[in-house]
Amino acid sequence: MFKFAKNFLERGIQKEGTLQAPPAPFATEAPLYKQEPDAGPEMVIGVNVSVMGKIAFQREILIEGVFEGEFEGDGKITVGPEGFVKADMDIYEAEISGKVEGNITVENRLILRGNAEVKGNITAHRLSVDEGVSIIGQVYVSASNPPEQL
């Protein structure tokens, strides 16, 4: 049986021969990471993933799983319907459909969707809240600068 396989492979190699011409080179090399405004999130924490620690980011993070820790960044945090975050957020923008335990300070806009649950104080310049959202805490919304913490 093995002799047959060896003969088969040898015949295949002899019949195929060598390449007639080398493969054409690529016209241009694609960049490893092309940063565009709508390129999607820098990081995704998936549904079955739990992360603890500190995350630094610039553009966007999507959380579908569990995150506990702290954020450092000027971008947007999106918490999906299955997502859970236990952290204080001091960020540029957020869209929350899941659960958050911690104070949320948003420089621009906070969107609370679906059955989102927030346990903590909210400070934002703009706030959008869907019917069905639960907020346990104080909410401060103002177009001017928020007051200093006491």
N, C-alpha and C. Protein backbone atom coordinates (compact mmCIF):
# COMPACT_ATOMS: atom_id res chain seq x y z
N MET A 1 0.82 -1.19 0.00
CA MET A 1 0.00 0.00 0.00
C MET A 1 0.87 1.26 0.00
N PHE A 2 1.91 1.28 0.84
CA PHE A 2 2.75 2.47 0.91
C PHE A 2 3.56 2.64 -0.37
N LYS A 3 3.92 1.48 -1.00
CA LYS A 3 4.66 1.54 -2.25
C LYS A 3 3.80 2.22 -3.31
N PHE A 4 2.50 1.91 -3.32
CA PHE A 4 1.59 2.53 -4.28
C PHE A 4 1.53 4.05 -4.06
N ALA A 5 1.44 4.47 -2.80
CA ALA A 5 1.36 5.90 -2.49
C ALA A 5 2.64 6.60 -2.92
N LYS A 6 3.79 5.95 -2.68
CA LYS A 6 5.07 6.56 -3.06
C LYS A 6 5.14 6.71 -4.57
N ASN A 7 4.77 5.65 -5.29
CA ASN A 7 4.79 5.71 -6.76
C ASN A 7 3.83 6.77 -7.28
N PHE A 8 2.67 6.86 -6.66
CA PHE A 8 1.68 7.86 -7.07
C PHE A 8 2.23 9.27 -6.90
N LEU A 9 2.86 9.52 -5.74
CA LEU A 9 3.42 10.85 -5.49
C LEU A 9 4.55 11.17 -6.45
N GLU A 10 5.41 10.18 -6.71
CA GLU A 10 6.52 10.42 -7.64
C GLU A 10 6.00 10.73 -9.04
N ARG A 11 4.98 9.98 -9.49
CA ARG A 11 4.41 10.24 -10.81
C ARG A 11 3.79 11.63 -10.87
N GLY A 12 3.10 12.02 -9.77
CA GLY A 12 2.48 13.33 -9.73
C GLY A 12 3.50 14.44 -9.83
N ILE A 13 4.62 14.25 -9.16
CA ILE A 13 5.67 15.27 -9.19
C ILE A 13 6.29 15.33 -10.57
N GLN A 14 6.54 14.15 -11.19
CA GLN A 14 7.13 14.14 -12.51
C GLN A 14 6.20 14.75 -13.55
N LYS A 15 4.90 14.48 -13.44
CA LYS A 15 3.96 15.02 -14.40
C LYS A 15 3.80 16.52 -14.25
N GLU A 16 3.80 16.97 -13.00
CA GLU A 16 3.61 18.40 -12.76
C GLU A 16 4.82 19.19 -13.23
N GLY A 17 5.99 18.66 -13.00
CA GLY A 17 7.20 19.35 -13.40
C GLY A 17 7.42 20.60 -12.58
N THR A 18 8.14 21.54 -13.15
CA THR A 18 8.41 22.80 -12.46
C THR A 18 7.48 23.87 -13.00
N LEU A 19 7.41 24.95 -12.31
CA LEU A 19 6.59 26.07 -12.76
C LEU A 19 7.17 26.66 -14.03
N GLN A 20 6.31 27.02 -14.95
CA GLN A 20 6.75 27.61 -16.20
C GLN A 20 7.30 29.01 -15.99
N ALA A 21 6.63 29.80 -15.13
CA ALA A 21 7.08 31.16 -14.85
C ALA A 21 6.84 31.44 -13.37
N PRO A 22 7.69 32.26 -12.78
CA PRO A 22 7.47 32.59 -11.37
C PRO A 22 6.20 33.42 -11.21
N PRO A 23 5.56 33.34 -10.05
CA PRO A 23 4.34 34.12 -9.85
C PRO A 23 4.63 35.62 -9.92
N ALA A 24 3.65 36.35 -10.41
CA ALA A 24 3.80 37.80 -10.53
C ALA A 24 3.82 38.44 -9.14
N PRO A 25 4.69 39.43 -8.93
CA PRO A 25 4.72 40.10 -7.63
C PRO A 25 3.47 40.95 -7.44
N PHE A 26 3.17 41.26 -6.17
CA PHE A 26 2.04 42.13 -5.88
C PHE A 26 2.32 43.52 -6.42
N ALA A 27 1.26 44.16 -6.93
CA ALA A 27 1.42 45.50 -7.49
C ALA A 27 1.81 46.49 -6.40
N THR A 28 1.09 46.50 -5.31
CA THR A 28 1.41 47.36 -4.17
C THR A 28 1.16 46.58 -2.90
N GLU A 29 1.89 46.93 -1.88
CA GLU A 29 1.67 46.28 -0.60
C GLU A 29 0.55 47.00 0.14
N ALA A 30 -0.36 46.23 0.70
CA ALA A 30 -1.45 46.81 1.48
C ALA A 30 -0.93 47.14 2.88
N PRO A 31 -1.32 48.29 3.43
CA PRO A 31 -0.89 48.61 4.79
C PRO A 31 -1.49 47.62 5.78
N LEU A 32 -0.76 47.36 6.86
CA LEU A 32 -1.26 46.43 7.87
C LEU A 32 -2.52 46.95 8.53
N TYR A 33 -2.59 48.24 8.77
CA TYR A 33 -3.76 48.82 9.44
C TYR A 33 -4.05 50.16 8.81
N LYS A 34 -5.21 50.27 8.21
CA LYS A 34 -5.62 51.52 7.59
C LYS A 34 -6.62 52.19 8.52
N GLN A 35 -6.22 53.31 9.11
CA GLN A 35 -7.09 53.97 10.07
C GLN A 35 -8.01 54.95 9.35
N GLU A 36 -9.29 54.64 9.39
CA GLU A 36 -10.31 55.49 8.81
C GLU A 36 -11.33 55.81 9.89
N PRO A 37 -12.06 56.92 9.75
CA PRO A 37 -13.04 57.27 10.77
C PRO A 37 -14.09 56.19 11.02
N ASP A 38 -14.52 55.48 9.98
CA ASP A 38 -15.56 54.46 10.13
C ASP A 38 -14.98 53.05 10.00
N ALA A 39 -13.75 52.86 10.44
CA ALA A 39 -13.10 51.57 10.28
C ALA A 39 -13.57 50.53 11.29
N GLY A 40 -14.41 50.91 12.24
CA GLY A 40 -14.89 49.96 13.24
C GLY A 40 -14.08 50.05 14.52
N PRO A 41 -14.42 49.23 15.48
CA PRO A 41 -13.75 49.32 16.79
C PRO A 41 -12.31 48.85 16.75
N GLU A 42 -11.49 49.45 17.63
CA GLU A 42 -10.10 49.02 17.79
C GLU A 42 -10.04 47.67 18.50
N MET A 43 -11.01 47.46 19.39
CA MET A 43 -11.01 46.25 20.20
C MET A 43 -12.43 45.77 20.40
N VAL A 44 -12.60 44.45 20.39
CA VAL A 44 -13.90 43.85 20.65
C VAL A 44 -13.73 42.83 21.77
N ILE A 45 -14.53 42.97 22.82
CA ILE A 45 -14.58 41.97 23.88
C ILE A 45 -15.82 41.14 23.59
N GLY A 46 -15.61 39.92 23.13
CA GLY A 46 -16.69 39.07 22.65
C GLY A 46 -17.63 38.58 23.74
N VAL A 47 -18.72 37.96 23.31
CA VAL A 47 -19.80 37.53 24.21
C VAL A 47 -19.30 36.62 25.32
N ASN A 48 -18.43 35.69 25.04
CA ASN A 48 -17.96 34.73 26.05
C ASN A 48 -16.61 35.10 26.64
N VAL A 49 -16.26 36.39 26.61
CA VAL A 49 -14.95 36.84 27.08
C VAL A 49 -15.11 37.74 28.29
N SER A 50 -14.25 37.54 29.31
CA SER A 50 -14.19 38.42 30.48
C SER A 50 -12.80 39.01 30.56
N VAL A 51 -12.73 40.33 30.75
CA VAL A 51 -11.45 41.03 30.82
C VAL A 51 -11.43 41.88 32.08
N MET A 52 -10.31 41.83 32.80
CA MET A 52 -10.12 42.69 33.97
C MET A 52 -8.82 43.46 33.77
N GLY A 53 -8.84 44.76 34.10
CA GLY A 53 -7.63 45.55 33.99
C GLY A 53 -7.89 46.94 33.48
N LYS A 54 -6.87 47.50 32.84
CA LYS A 54 -6.95 48.86 32.31
C LYS A 54 -6.80 48.80 30.80
N ILE A 55 -7.70 49.48 30.10
CA ILE A 55 -7.66 49.52 28.64
C ILE A 55 -7.46 50.95 28.18
N ALA A 56 -6.44 51.18 27.36
CA ALA A 56 -6.20 52.49 26.75
C ALA A 56 -6.58 52.39 25.28
N PHE A 57 -7.31 53.38 24.79
CA PHE A 57 -7.77 53.34 23.41
C PHE A 57 -7.92 54.76 22.87
N GLN A 58 -8.02 54.87 21.55
CA GLN A 58 -8.17 56.17 20.90
C GLN A 58 -9.46 56.30 20.11
N ARG A 59 -9.96 55.19 19.54
CA ARG A 59 -11.08 55.30 18.62
C ARG A 59 -12.37 54.70 19.19
N GLU A 60 -12.47 53.38 19.25
CA GLU A 60 -13.72 52.76 19.70
C GLU A 60 -13.47 51.37 20.26
N ILE A 61 -14.23 51.04 21.31
CA ILE A 61 -14.21 49.70 21.89
C ILE A 61 -15.64 49.18 21.90
N LEU A 62 -15.81 47.93 21.49
CA LEU A 62 -17.12 47.27 21.53
C LEU A 62 -17.06 46.18 22.58
N ILE A 63 -17.98 46.24 23.55
CA ILE A 63 -18.00 45.26 24.63
C ILE A 63 -19.29 44.45 24.53
N GLU A 64 -19.14 43.19 24.19
CA GLU A 64 -20.26 42.25 24.14
C GLU A 64 -20.17 41.27 25.30
N GLY A 65 -19.01 41.21 25.96
CA GLY A 65 -18.79 40.31 27.08
C GLY A 65 -18.76 41.09 28.39
N VAL A 66 -17.78 40.77 29.24
CA VAL A 66 -17.67 41.38 30.57
C VAL A 66 -16.33 42.11 30.69
N PHE A 67 -16.38 43.35 31.17
CA PHE A 67 -15.16 44.11 31.45
C PHE A 67 -15.26 44.70 32.84
N GLU A 68 -14.18 44.54 33.62
CA GLU A 68 -14.09 45.14 34.95
C GLU A 68 -12.72 45.78 35.07
N GLY A 69 -12.71 47.08 35.37
CA GLY A 69 -11.43 47.77 35.49
C GLY A 69 -11.59 49.25 35.24
N GLU A 70 -10.69 49.79 34.38
CA GLU A 70 -10.76 51.21 34.06
C GLU A 70 -10.40 51.45 32.61
N PHE A 71 -10.96 52.53 32.07
CA PHE A 71 -10.72 52.94 30.69
C PHE A 71 -9.88 54.20 30.68
N GLU A 72 -9.04 54.30 29.66
CA GLU A 72 -8.29 55.53 29.43
C GLU A 72 -8.34 55.78 27.93
N GLY A 73 -9.07 56.81 27.53
CA GLY A 73 -9.16 57.07 26.11
C GLY A 73 -10.09 58.22 25.78
N ASP A 74 -9.97 58.68 24.54
CA ASP A 74 -10.76 59.81 24.06
C ASP A 74 -11.78 59.37 23.02
N GLY A 75 -12.03 58.10 22.92
CA GLY A 75 -12.92 57.60 21.87
C GLY A 75 -14.30 57.27 22.37
N LYS A 76 -14.87 56.23 21.76
CA LYS A 76 -16.25 55.82 22.03
C LYS A 76 -16.26 54.40 22.60
N ILE A 77 -17.13 54.19 23.58
CA ILE A 77 -17.34 52.85 24.13
C ILE A 77 -18.76 52.44 23.76
N THR A 78 -18.88 51.25 23.17
CA THR A 78 -20.19 50.69 22.86
C THR A 78 -20.35 49.42 23.68
N VAL A 79 -21.40 49.37 24.48
CA VAL A 79 -21.71 48.18 25.28
C VAL A 79 -22.93 47.53 24.65
N GLY A 80 -22.74 46.34 24.10
CA GLY A 80 -23.82 45.63 23.43
C GLY A 80 -24.86 45.10 24.41
N PRO A 81 -25.97 44.57 23.90
CA PRO A 81 -27.06 44.09 24.75
C PRO A 81 -26.64 43.02 25.76
N GLU A 82 -25.65 42.21 25.44
CA GLU A 82 -25.16 41.17 26.35
C GLU A 82 -23.96 41.64 27.16
N GLY A 83 -23.50 42.86 26.93
CA GLY A 83 -22.30 43.37 27.59
C GLY A 83 -22.55 43.80 29.03
N PHE A 84 -21.50 43.68 29.85
CA PHE A 84 -21.54 44.12 31.24
C PHE A 84 -20.22 44.81 31.55
N VAL A 85 -20.30 46.03 32.08
CA VAL A 85 -19.11 46.80 32.43
C VAL A 85 -19.21 47.21 33.88
N LYS A 86 -18.13 46.95 34.63
CA LYS A 86 -18.04 47.43 36.01
C LYS A 86 -16.81 48.33 36.05
N ALA A 87 -17.05 49.62 35.80
CA ALA A 87 -15.96 50.58 35.74
C ALA A 87 -16.52 51.99 35.68
N ASP A 88 -15.75 52.95 36.16
CA ASP A 88 -16.07 54.35 35.93
C ASP A 88 -15.58 54.70 34.54
N MET A 89 -16.39 55.45 33.81
CA MET A 89 -16.03 55.85 32.45
C MET A 89 -15.89 57.36 32.39
N ASP A 90 -14.79 57.83 31.87
CA ASP A 90 -14.57 59.25 31.59
C ASP A 90 -14.09 59.29 30.15
N ILE A 91 -15.03 59.44 29.22
CA ILE A 91 -14.74 59.25 27.81
C ILE A 91 -15.43 60.32 26.96
N TYR A 92 -15.18 60.26 25.65
CA TYR A 92 -15.76 61.23 24.73
C TYR A 92 -17.21 60.90 24.40
N GLU A 93 -17.50 59.62 24.12
CA GLU A 93 -18.84 59.24 23.68
C GLU A 93 -19.13 57.80 24.08
N ALA A 94 -20.41 57.48 24.33
CA ALA A 94 -20.77 56.10 24.69
C ALA A 94 -22.15 55.76 24.18
N GLU A 95 -22.31 54.49 23.83
CA GLU A 95 -23.61 53.94 23.44
C GLU A 95 -23.78 52.64 24.23
N ILE A 96 -24.80 52.60 25.06
CA ILE A 96 -24.96 51.47 25.98
C ILE A 96 -26.30 50.79 25.75
N SER A 97 -26.24 49.48 25.50
CA SER A 97 -27.43 48.65 25.38
C SER A 97 -27.46 47.57 26.46
N GLY A 98 -26.34 47.39 27.15
CA GLY A 98 -26.21 46.36 28.18
C GLY A 98 -26.25 46.96 29.57
N LYS A 99 -25.41 46.42 30.46
CA LYS A 99 -25.40 46.84 31.86
C LYS A 99 -24.07 47.51 32.21
N VAL A 100 -24.17 48.60 32.99
CA VAL A 100 -22.98 49.31 33.46
C VAL A 100 -23.15 49.60 34.94
N GLU A 101 -22.11 49.25 35.72
CA GLU A 101 -22.04 49.63 37.12
C GLU A 101 -20.85 50.55 37.27
N GLY A 102 -21.12 51.82 37.53
CA GLY A 102 -20.06 52.81 37.67
C GLY A 102 -20.53 54.15 37.16
N ASN A 103 -19.81 55.19 37.53
CA ASN A 103 -20.14 56.55 37.09
C ASN A 103 -19.72 56.74 35.64
N ILE A 104 -20.57 57.44 34.90
CA ILE A 104 -20.30 57.68 33.48
C ILE A 104 -20.21 59.18 33.26
N THR A 105 -19.05 59.63 32.79
CA THR A 105 -18.86 61.03 32.41
C THR A 105 -18.52 61.04 30.93
N VAL A 106 -19.39 61.68 30.15
CA VAL A 106 -19.24 61.69 28.69
C VAL A 106 -19.11 63.13 28.22
N GLU A 107 -18.04 63.40 27.50
CA GLU A 107 -17.77 64.75 27.02
C GLU A 107 -18.77 65.18 25.96
N ASN A 108 -19.20 64.27 25.11
CA ASN A 108 -20.08 64.63 24.01
C ASN A 108 -21.49 64.06 24.20
N ARG A 109 -21.71 62.79 23.82
CA ARG A 109 -23.06 62.24 23.78
C ARG A 109 -23.10 60.84 24.39
N LEU A 110 -24.15 60.60 25.17
CA LEU A 110 -24.41 59.28 25.74
C LEU A 110 -25.75 58.80 25.21
N ILE A 111 -25.76 57.60 24.63
CA ILE A 111 -26.98 57.00 24.11
C ILE A 111 -27.26 55.74 24.92
N LEU A 112 -28.44 55.68 25.53
CA LEU A 112 -28.87 54.50 26.28
C LEU A 112 -29.99 53.84 25.49
N ARG A 113 -29.75 52.60 25.04
CA ARG A 113 -30.68 51.93 24.13
C ARG A 113 -31.35 50.71 24.76
N GLY A 114 -32.51 50.36 24.22
CA GLY A 114 -33.19 49.12 24.57
C GLY A 114 -33.46 48.98 26.05
N ASN A 115 -32.95 47.91 26.63
CA ASN A 115 -33.14 47.63 28.05
C ASN A 115 -31.85 47.87 28.84
N ALA A 116 -31.11 48.89 28.46
CA ALA A 116 -29.86 49.20 29.16
C ALA A 116 -30.12 49.46 30.64
N GLU A 117 -29.14 49.08 31.47
CA GLU A 117 -29.21 49.33 32.91
C GLU A 117 -27.94 50.04 33.34
N VAL A 118 -28.11 51.17 34.01
CA VAL A 118 -26.96 51.92 34.53
C VAL A 118 -27.15 52.10 36.02
N LYS A 119 -26.14 51.65 36.79
CA LYS A 119 -26.12 51.87 38.24
C LYS A 119 -24.93 52.77 38.52
N GLY A 120 -25.20 54.06 38.62
CA GLY A 120 -24.15 55.05 38.83
C GLY A 120 -24.61 56.40 38.33
N ASN A 121 -23.83 57.42 38.63
CA ASN A 121 -24.16 58.78 38.22
C ASN A 121 -23.75 59.00 36.77
N ILE A 122 -24.54 59.82 36.08
CA ILE A 122 -24.29 60.13 34.67
C ILE A 122 -24.10 61.63 34.52
N THR A 123 -23.03 62.01 33.82
CA THR A 123 -22.78 63.40 33.45
C THR A 123 -22.50 63.42 31.95
N ALA A 124 -23.31 64.19 31.20
CA ALA A 124 -23.13 64.23 29.75
C ALA A 124 -23.59 65.57 29.20
N HIS A 125 -23.06 65.95 28.05
CA HIS A 125 -23.51 67.17 27.38
C HIS A 125 -24.79 66.90 26.59
N ARG A 126 -24.91 65.68 26.06
CA ARG A 126 -26.12 65.28 25.35
C ARG A 126 -26.48 63.86 25.79
N LEU A 127 -27.78 63.61 25.97
CA LEU A 127 -28.23 62.31 26.44
C LEU A 127 -29.46 61.88 25.66
N SER A 128 -29.45 60.63 25.19
CA SER A 128 -30.59 60.04 24.51
C SER A 128 -30.94 58.75 25.25
N VAL A 129 -32.22 58.62 25.67
CA VAL A 129 -32.65 57.47 26.46
C VAL A 129 -33.87 56.83 25.81
N ASP A 130 -33.77 55.54 25.49
CA ASP A 130 -34.91 54.80 24.96
C ASP A 130 -35.86 54.40 26.08
N GLU A 131 -37.10 54.14 25.70
CA GLU A 131 -38.07 53.59 26.65
C GLU A 131 -37.59 52.21 27.07
N GLY A 132 -37.66 51.90 28.35
CA GLY A 132 -37.22 50.60 28.85
C GLY A 132 -35.86 50.64 29.53
N VAL A 133 -35.16 51.77 29.45
CA VAL A 133 -33.85 51.92 30.08
C VAL A 133 -34.03 52.14 31.58
N SER A 134 -33.12 51.57 32.37
CA SER A 134 -33.15 51.72 33.83
C SER A 134 -31.90 52.48 34.28
N ILE A 135 -32.11 53.56 35.05
CA ILE A 135 -31.00 54.34 35.60
C ILE A 135 -31.20 54.44 37.11
N ILE A 136 -30.20 53.97 37.86
CA ILE A 136 -30.20 54.13 39.31
C ILE A 136 -29.02 55.02 39.65
N GLY A 137 -29.29 56.29 39.88
CA GLY A 137 -28.24 57.27 40.14
C GLY A 137 -28.71 58.64 39.71
N GLN A 138 -27.82 59.61 39.85
CA GLN A 138 -28.14 60.98 39.46
C GLN A 138 -27.74 61.21 38.02
N VAL A 139 -28.51 62.06 37.34
CA VAL A 139 -28.24 62.38 35.94
C VAL A 139 -28.07 63.88 35.81
N TYR A 140 -26.95 64.30 35.19
CA TYR A 140 -26.70 65.71 34.94
C TYR A 140 -26.43 65.87 33.45
N VAL A 141 -27.27 66.67 32.78
CA VAL A 141 -27.12 66.92 31.35
C VAL A 141 -27.11 68.42 31.14
N SER A 142 -26.08 68.92 30.45
CA SER A 142 -25.97 70.35 30.20
C SER A 142 -25.12 70.59 28.97
N ALA A 143 -25.51 71.60 28.20
CA ALA A 143 -24.72 71.98 27.04
C ALA A 143 -23.45 72.71 27.46
N SER A 144 -23.45 73.28 28.67
CA SER A 144 -22.25 73.96 29.17
C SER A 144 -21.37 72.95 29.89
N ASN A 145 -20.26 73.41 30.39
CA ASN A 145 -19.36 72.53 31.12
C ASN A 145 -20.02 72.00 32.38
N PRO A 146 -19.84 70.72 32.71
CA PRO A 146 -20.44 70.18 33.93
C PRO A 146 -19.80 70.78 35.17
N PRO A 147 -20.53 70.83 36.29
CA PRO A 147 -19.96 71.40 37.50
C PRO A 147 -18.85 70.51 38.05
N GLU A 148 -17.98 71.12 38.83
CA GLU A 148 -16.90 70.35 39.44
C GLU A 148 -17.47 69.44 40.51
N GLN A 149 -16.83 68.28 40.67
CA GLN A 149 -17.27 67.32 41.68
C GLN A 149 -16.99 67.89 43.06
N LEU A 150 -17.90 67.70 44.00
CA LEU A 150 -17.71 68.16 45.38
C LEU A 150 -16.90 67.18 46.17
